[in-house]
């Protein structure tokens, strides 16, 4: 729960900075935590699929020996 609160606070600070700089058109409009969560899930999935493909490739190569 604390991590979510910290993320939310950081994103609200980012939104405040964007408005101060006059870049409010680039604001995430509350979707920041959802986008960050999706990004993190995508990175985890990519790394796990890479590890699985390496493992399967090594098993296949060792079976050929």
PDB file of N, CA and C in Angstrom:
ATOM      1  N   UNK A   1       0.826  -1.191   0.000  1.00  0.00           N
ATOM      2  CA  UNK A   1       0.000   0.000   0.000  1.00  0.00           C
ATOM      3  C   UNK A   1       0.870   1.254   0.000  1.00  0.00           C
ATOM      4  N   UNK A   2       1.981   1.213   0.723  1.00  0.00           N
ATOM      5  CA  UNK A   2       2.865   2.369   0.808  1.00  0.00           C
ATOM      6  C   UNK A   2       3.515   2.702  -0.524  1.00  0.00           C
ATOM      7  N   UNK A   3       3.805   1.675  -1.313  1.00  0.00           N
ATOM      8  CA  UNK A   3       4.433   1.895  -2.620  1.00  0.00           C
ATOM      9  C   UNK A   3       3.464   2.621  -3.543  1.00  0.00           C
ATOM     10  N   UNK A   4       2.201   2.215  -3.481  1.00  0.00           N
ATOM     11  CA  UNK A   4       1.195   2.861  -4.318  1.00  0.00           C
ATOM     12  C   UNK A   4       1.046   4.333  -3.952  1.00  0.00           C
ATOM     13  N   UNK A   5       1.067   4.630  -2.655  1.00  0.00           N
ATOM     14  CA  UNK A   5       0.949   6.023  -2.202  1.00  0.00           C
ATOM     15  C   UNK A   5       2.156   6.826  -2.666  1.00  0.00           C
ATOM     16  N   UNK A   6       3.345   6.225  -2.598  1.00  0.00           N
ATOM     17  CA  UNK A   6       4.556   6.921  -3.038  1.00  0.00           C
ATOM     18  C   UNK A   6       4.512   7.191  -4.540  1.00  0.00           C
ATOM     19  N   UNK A   7       4.039   6.214  -5.320  1.00  0.00           N
ATOM     20  CA  UNK A   7       3.924   6.409  -6.772  1.00  0.00           C
ATOM     21  C   UNK A   7       2.942   7.530  -7.081  1.00  0.00           C
ATOM     22  N   UNK A   8       1.815   7.507  -6.361  1.00  0.00           N
ATOM     23  CA  UNK A   8       0.777   8.512  -6.592  1.00  0.00           C
ATOM     24  C   UNK A   8       1.294   9.911  -6.274  1.00  0.00           C
ATOM     25  N   UNK A   9       2.053  10.027  -5.168  1.00  0.00           N
ATOM     26  CA  UNK A   9       2.602  11.325  -4.779  1.00  0.00           C
ATOM     27  C   UNK A   9       3.611  11.812  -5.820  1.00  0.00           C
ATOM     28  N   UNK A  10       4.455  10.906  -6.298  1.00  0.00           N
ATOM     29  CA  UNK A  10       5.443  11.280  -7.309  1.00  0.00           C
ATOM     30  C   UNK A  10       4.762  11.734  -8.590  1.00  0.00           C
ATOM     31  N   UNK A  11       3.695  11.041  -8.975  1.00  0.00           N
ATOM     32  CA  UNK A  11       2.996  11.426 -10.198  1.00  0.00           C
ATOM     33  C   UNK A  11       2.255  12.743 -10.036  1.00  0.00           C
ATOM     34  N   UNK A  12       1.721  13.007  -8.838  1.00  0.00           N
ATOM     35  CA  UNK A  12       1.055  14.294  -8.642  1.00  0.00           C
ATOM     36  C   UNK A  12       2.079  15.425  -8.662  1.00  0.00           C
ATOM     37  N   UNK A  13       3.286  15.154  -8.146  1.00  0.00           N
ATOM     38  CA  UNK A  13       4.350  16.160  -8.221  1.00  0.00           C
ATOM     39  C   UNK A  13       4.749  16.389  -9.677  1.00  0.00           C
ATOM     40  N   UNK A  14       4.784  15.318 -10.457  1.00  0.00           N
ATOM     41  CA  UNK A  14       5.110  15.445 -11.879  1.00  0.00           C
ATOM     42  C   UNK A  14       4.047  16.261 -12.602  1.00  0.00           C
ATOM     43  N   UNK A  15       2.781  16.004 -12.295  1.00  0.00           N
ATOM     44  CA  UNK A  15       1.697  16.780 -12.903  1.00  0.00           C
ATOM     45  C   UNK A  15       1.805  18.258 -12.534  1.00  0.00           C
ATOM     46  N   UNK A  16       2.145  18.541 -11.263  1.00  0.00           N
ATOM     47  CA  UNK A  16       2.298  19.931 -10.828  1.00  0.00           C
ATOM     48  C   UNK A  16       3.451  20.600 -11.575  1.00  0.00           C
ATOM     49  N   UNK A  17       4.543  19.879 -11.760  1.00  0.00           N
ATOM     50  CA  UNK A  17       5.686  20.427 -12.493  1.00  0.00           C
ATOM     51  C   UNK A  17       5.323  20.702 -13.946  1.00  0.00           C
ATOM     52  N   UNK A  18       4.583  19.783 -14.562  1.00  0.00           N
ATOM     53  CA  UNK A  18       4.166  19.976 -15.956  1.00  0.00           C
ATOM     54  C   UNK A  18       3.288  21.215 -16.089  1.00  0.00           C
ATOM     55  N   UNK A  19       2.388  21.429 -15.139  1.00  0.00           N
ATOM     56  CA  UNK A  19       1.523  22.604 -15.191  1.00  0.00           C
ATOM     57  C   UNK A  19       2.325  23.875 -14.973  1.00  0.00           C
ATOM     58  N   UNK A  20       3.309  23.818 -14.073  1.00  0.00           N
ATOM     59  CA  UNK A  20       4.152  24.984 -13.815  1.00  0.00           C
ATOM     60  C   UNK A  20       4.941  25.368 -15.058  1.00  0.00           C
ATOM     61  N   UNK A  21       5.417  24.377 -15.780  1.00  0.00           N
ATOM     62  CA  UNK A  21       6.199  24.635 -16.991  1.00  0.00           C
ATOM     63  C   UNK A  21       5.324  24.940 -18.202  1.00  0.00           C
ATOM     64  N   UNK A  22       4.016  24.866 -18.016  1.00  0.00           N
ATOM     65  CA  UNK A  22       3.111  25.148 -19.122  1.00  0.00           C
ATOM     66  C   UNK A  22       2.965  23.983 -20.073  1.00  0.00           C
ATOM     67  N   UNK A  23       3.241  22.795 -19.590  1.00  0.00           N
ATOM     68  CA  UNK A  23       3.160  21.598 -20.426  1.00  0.00           C
ATOM     69  C   UNK A  23       2.000  20.707 -19.990  1.00  0.00           C
ATOM     70  N   UNK A  24       0.898  21.312 -19.598  1.00  0.00           N
ATOM     71  CA  UNK A  24      -0.218  20.518 -19.079  1.00  0.00           C
ATOM     72  C   UNK A  24      -0.838  19.621 -20.149  1.00  0.00           C
ATOM     73  N   UNK A  25      -0.591  19.896 -21.415  1.00  0.00           N
ATOM     74  CA  UNK A  25      -1.120  19.043 -22.482  1.00  0.00           C
ATOM     75  C   UNK A  25      -0.468  17.664 -22.448  1.00  0.00           C
ATOM     76  N   UNK A  26       0.726  17.570 -21.851  1.00  0.00           N
ATOM     77  CA  UNK A  26       1.428  16.293 -21.766  1.00  0.00           C
ATOM     78  C   UNK A  26       1.154  15.568 -20.455  1.00  0.00           C
ATOM     79  N   UNK A  27       0.226  16.071 -19.668  1.00  0.00           N
ATOM     80  CA  UNK A  27      -0.102  15.458 -18.381  1.00  0.00           C
ATOM     81  C   UNK A  27      -0.717  14.080 -18.600  1.00  0.00           C
ATOM     82  N   UNK A  28      -0.515  13.203 -17.630  1.00  0.00           N
ATOM     83  CA  UNK A  28      -1.052  11.849 -17.737  1.00  0.00           C
ATOM     84  C   UNK A  28      -2.506  11.773 -17.292  1.00  0.00           C
ATOM     85  N   UNK A  29      -3.026  12.839 -16.741  1.00  0.00           N
ATOM     86  CA  UNK A  29      -4.436  12.963 -16.347  1.00  0.00           C
ATOM     87  C   UNK A  29      -4.925  11.791 -15.499  1.00  0.00           C
ATOM     88  N   UNK A  30      -4.120  11.370 -14.538  1.00  0.00           N
ATOM     89  CA  UNK A  30      -4.529  10.318 -13.623  1.00  0.00           C
ATOM     90  C   UNK A  30      -4.259   8.900 -14.094  1.00  0.00           C
ATOM     91  N   UNK A  31      -3.803   8.741 -15.321  1.00  0.00           N
ATOM     92  CA  UNK A  31      -3.537   7.404 -15.848  1.00  0.00           C
ATOM     93  C   UNK A  31      -2.090   6.969 -15.630  1.00  0.00           C
ATOM     94  N   UNK A  32      -1.300   7.803 -14.980  1.00  0.00           N
ATOM     95  CA  UNK A  32       0.111   7.494 -14.759  1.00  0.00           C
ATOM     96  C   UNK A  32       0.358   6.173 -14.051  1.00  0.00           C
ATOM     97  N   UNK A  33      -0.289   5.933 -12.896  1.00  0.00           N
ATOM     98  CA  UNK A  33      -0.043   4.664 -12.202  1.00  0.00           C
ATOM     99  C   UNK A  33      -0.414   3.448 -13.048  1.00  0.00           C
ATOM    100  N   UNK A  34      -1.490   3.552 -13.783  1.00  0.00           N
ATOM    101  CA  UNK A  34      -1.914   2.441 -14.635  1.00  0.00           C
ATOM    102  C   UNK A  34      -0.909   2.210 -15.763  1.00  0.00           C
ATOM    103  N   UNK A  35      -0.407   3.291 -16.350  1.00  0.00           N
ATOM    104  CA  UNK A  35       0.586   3.159 -17.416  1.00  0.00           C
ATOM    105  C   UNK A  35       1.897   2.594 -16.884  1.00  0.00           C
ATOM    106  N   UNK A  36       2.311   3.044 -15.693  1.00  0.00           N
ATOM    107  CA  UNK A  36       3.538   2.515 -15.103  1.00  0.00           C
ATOM    108  C   UNK A  36       3.395   1.035 -14.765  1.00  0.00           C
ATOM    109  N   UNK A  37       2.243   0.655 -14.251  1.00  0.00           N
ATOM    110  CA  UNK A  37       2.007  -0.748 -13.925  1.00  0.00           C
ATOM    111  C   UNK A  37       2.030  -1.606 -15.188  1.00  0.00           C
ATOM    112  N   UNK A  38       1.428  -1.129 -16.251  1.00  0.00           N
ATOM    113  CA  UNK A  38       1.443  -1.858 -17.517  1.00  0.00           C
ATOM    114  C   UNK A  38       2.835  -1.955 -18.113  1.00  0.00           C
ATOM    115  N   UNK A  39       3.600  -0.883 -17.992  1.00  0.00           N
ATOM    116  CA  UNK A  39       4.979  -0.887 -18.488  1.00  0.00           C
ATOM    117  C   UNK A  39       5.818  -1.901 -17.728  1.00  0.00           C
ATOM    118  N   UNK A  40       5.678  -1.895 -16.393  1.00  0.00           N
ATOM    119  CA  UNK A  40       6.442  -2.829 -15.563  1.00  0.00           C
ATOM    120  C   UNK A  40       6.048  -4.279 -15.887  1.00  0.00           C
ATOM    121  N   UNK A  41       4.758  -4.535 -16.082  1.00  0.00           N
ATOM    122  CA  UNK A  41       4.293  -5.883 -16.420  1.00  0.00           C
ATOM    123  C   UNK A  41       4.866  -6.320 -17.771  1.00  0.00           C
ATOM    124  N   UNK A  42       4.930  -5.415 -18.738  1.00  0.00           N
ATOM    125  CA  UNK A  42       5.481  -5.727 -20.056  1.00  0.00           C
ATOM    126  C   UNK A  42       6.960  -6.071 -19.962  1.00  0.00           C
ATOM    127  N   UNK A  43       7.702  -5.310 -19.169  1.00  0.00           N
ATOM    128  CA  UNK A  43       9.136  -5.578 -18.998  1.00  0.00           C
ATOM    129  C   UNK A  43       9.342  -6.933 -18.333  1.00  0.00           C
ATOM    130  N   UNK A  44       8.566  -7.226 -17.287  1.00  0.00           N
ATOM    131  CA  UNK A  44       8.687  -8.521 -16.609  1.00  0.00           C
ATOM    132  C   UNK A  44       8.370  -9.667 -17.565  1.00  0.00           C
ATOM    133  N   UNK A  45       7.326  -9.519 -18.355  1.00  0.00           N
ATOM    134  CA  UNK A  45       6.939 -10.565 -19.303  1.00  0.00           C
ATOM    135  C   UNK A  45       8.027 -10.784 -20.356  1.00  0.00           C
ATOM    136  N   UNK A  46       8.623  -9.711 -20.844  1.00  0.00           N
ATOM    137  CA  UNK A  46       9.681  -9.828 -21.853  1.00  0.00           C
ATOM    138  C   UNK A  46      10.907 -10.539 -21.289  1.00  0.00           C
ATOM    139  N   UNK A  47      11.296 -10.182 -20.066  1.00  0.00           N
ATOM    140  CA  UNK A  47      12.471 -10.807 -19.451  1.00  0.00           C
ATOM    141  C   UNK A  47      12.209 -12.285 -19.168  1.00  0.00           C
ATOM    142  N   UNK A  48      11.022 -12.601 -18.664  1.00  0.00           N
ATOM    143  CA  UNK A  48      10.700 -14.000 -18.381  1.00  0.00           C
ATOM    144  C   UNK A  48      10.616 -14.834 -19.656  1.00  0.00           C
ATOM    145  N   UNK A  49      10.075 -14.270 -20.718  1.00  0.00           N
ATOM    146  CA  UNK A  49      10.005 -15.021 -21.974  1.00  0.00           C
ATOM    147  C   UNK A  49      11.395 -15.216 -22.574  1.00  0.00           C
ATOM    148  N   UNK A  50      12.279 -14.249 -22.394  1.00  0.00           N
ATOM    149  CA  UNK A  50      13.658 -14.404 -22.853  1.00  0.00           C
ATOM    150  C   UNK A  50      14.349 -15.527 -22.087  1.00  0.00           C
ATOM    151  N   UNK A  51      14.170 -15.541 -20.767  1.00  0.00           N
ATOM    152  CA  UNK A  51      14.780 -16.591 -19.952  1.00  0.00           C
ATOM    153  C   UNK A  51      14.239 -17.968 -20.336  1.00  0.00           C
ATOM    154  N   UNK A  52      12.944 -18.063 -20.561  1.00  0.00           N
ATOM    155  CA  UNK A  52      12.344 -19.338 -20.951  1.00  0.00           C
ATOM    156  C   UNK A  52      12.858 -19.795 -22.315  1.00  0.00           C
ATOM    157  N   UNK A  53      12.987 -18.874 -23.252  1.00  0.00           N
ATOM    158  CA  UNK A  53      13.469 -19.255 -24.586  1.00  0.00           C
ATOM    159  C   UNK A  53      14.929 -19.701 -24.539  1.00  0.00           C
ATOM    160  N   UNK A  54      15.736 -19.058 -23.704  1.00  0.00           N
ATOM    161  CA  UNK A  54      17.135 -19.487 -23.557  1.00  0.00           C
ATOM    162  C   UNK A  54      17.188 -20.884 -22.947  1.00  0.00           C
ATOM    163  N   UNK A  55      16.370 -21.108 -21.922  1.00  0.00           N
ATOM    164  CA  UNK A  55      16.335 -22.414 -21.269  1.00  0.00           C
ATOM    165  C   UNK A  55      15.907 -23.507 -22.244  1.00  0.00           C
ATOM    166  N   UNK A  56      14.857 -23.263 -23.000  1.00  0.00           N
ATOM    167  CA  UNK A  56      14.400 -24.252 -23.978  1.00  0.00           C
ATOM    168  C   UNK A  56      15.441 -24.474 -25.075  1.00  0.00           C
ATOM    169  N   UNK A  57      16.115 -23.415 -25.484  1.00  0.00           N
ATOM    170  CA  UNK A  57      17.164 -23.556 -26.490  1.00  0.00           C
ATOM    171  C   UNK A  57      18.330 -24.381 -25.989  1.00  0.00           C
ATOM    172  N   UNK A  58      18.715 -24.178 -24.728  1.00  0.00           N
ATOM    173  CA  UNK A  58      19.808 -24.967 -24.154  1.00  0.00           C
ATOM    174  C   UNK A  58      19.414 -26.433 -23.997  1.00  0.00           C
ATOM    175  N   UNK A  59      18.173 -26.681 -23.602  1.00  0.00           N
ATOM    176  CA  UNK A  59      17.697 -28.066 -23.486  1.00  0.00           C
ATOM    177  C   UNK A  59      17.702 -28.724 -24.868  1.00  0.00           C
ATOM    178  N   UNK A  60      17.233 -28.022 -25.869  1.00  0.00           N
ATOM    179  CA  UNK A  60      17.221 -28.567 -27.223  1.00  0.00           C
ATOM    180  C   UNK A  60      18.620 -28.813 -27.759  1.00  0.00           C
ATOM    181  N   UNK A  61      19.530 -27.892 -27.484  1.00  0.00           N
ATOM    182  CA  UNK A  61      20.903 -28.050 -27.966  1.00  0.00           C
ATOM    183  C   UNK A  61      21.609 -29.191 -27.241  1.00  0.00           C
ATOM    184  N   UNK A  62      21.347 -29.340 -25.950  1.00  0.00           N
ATOM    185  CA  UNK A  62      21.997 -30.429 -25.211  1.00  0.00           C
ATOM    186  C   UNK A  62      21.412 -31.788 -25.604  1.00  0.00           C
ATOM    187  N   UNK A  63      20.162 -31.826 -26.014  1.00  0.00           N
ATOM    188  CA  UNK A  63      19.556 -33.084 -26.458  1.00  0.00           C
ATOM    189  C   UNK A  63      20.149 -33.532 -27.786  1.00  0.00           C
ATOM    190  N   UNK A  64      20.658 -32.591 -28.532  1.00  0.00           N
ATOM    191  CA  UNK A  64      21.233 -32.899 -29.843  1.00  0.00           C
ATOM    192  C   UNK A  64      22.646 -33.484 -29.707  1.00  0.00           C
ATOM    193  N   UNK A  65      23.281 -33.273 -28.559  1.00  0.00           N
ATOM    194  CA  UNK A  65      24.656 -33.757 -28.377  1.00  0.00           C
ATOM    195  C   UNK A  65      24.733 -35.238 -28.285  1.00  0.00           C
TER     196      UNK A  65
END
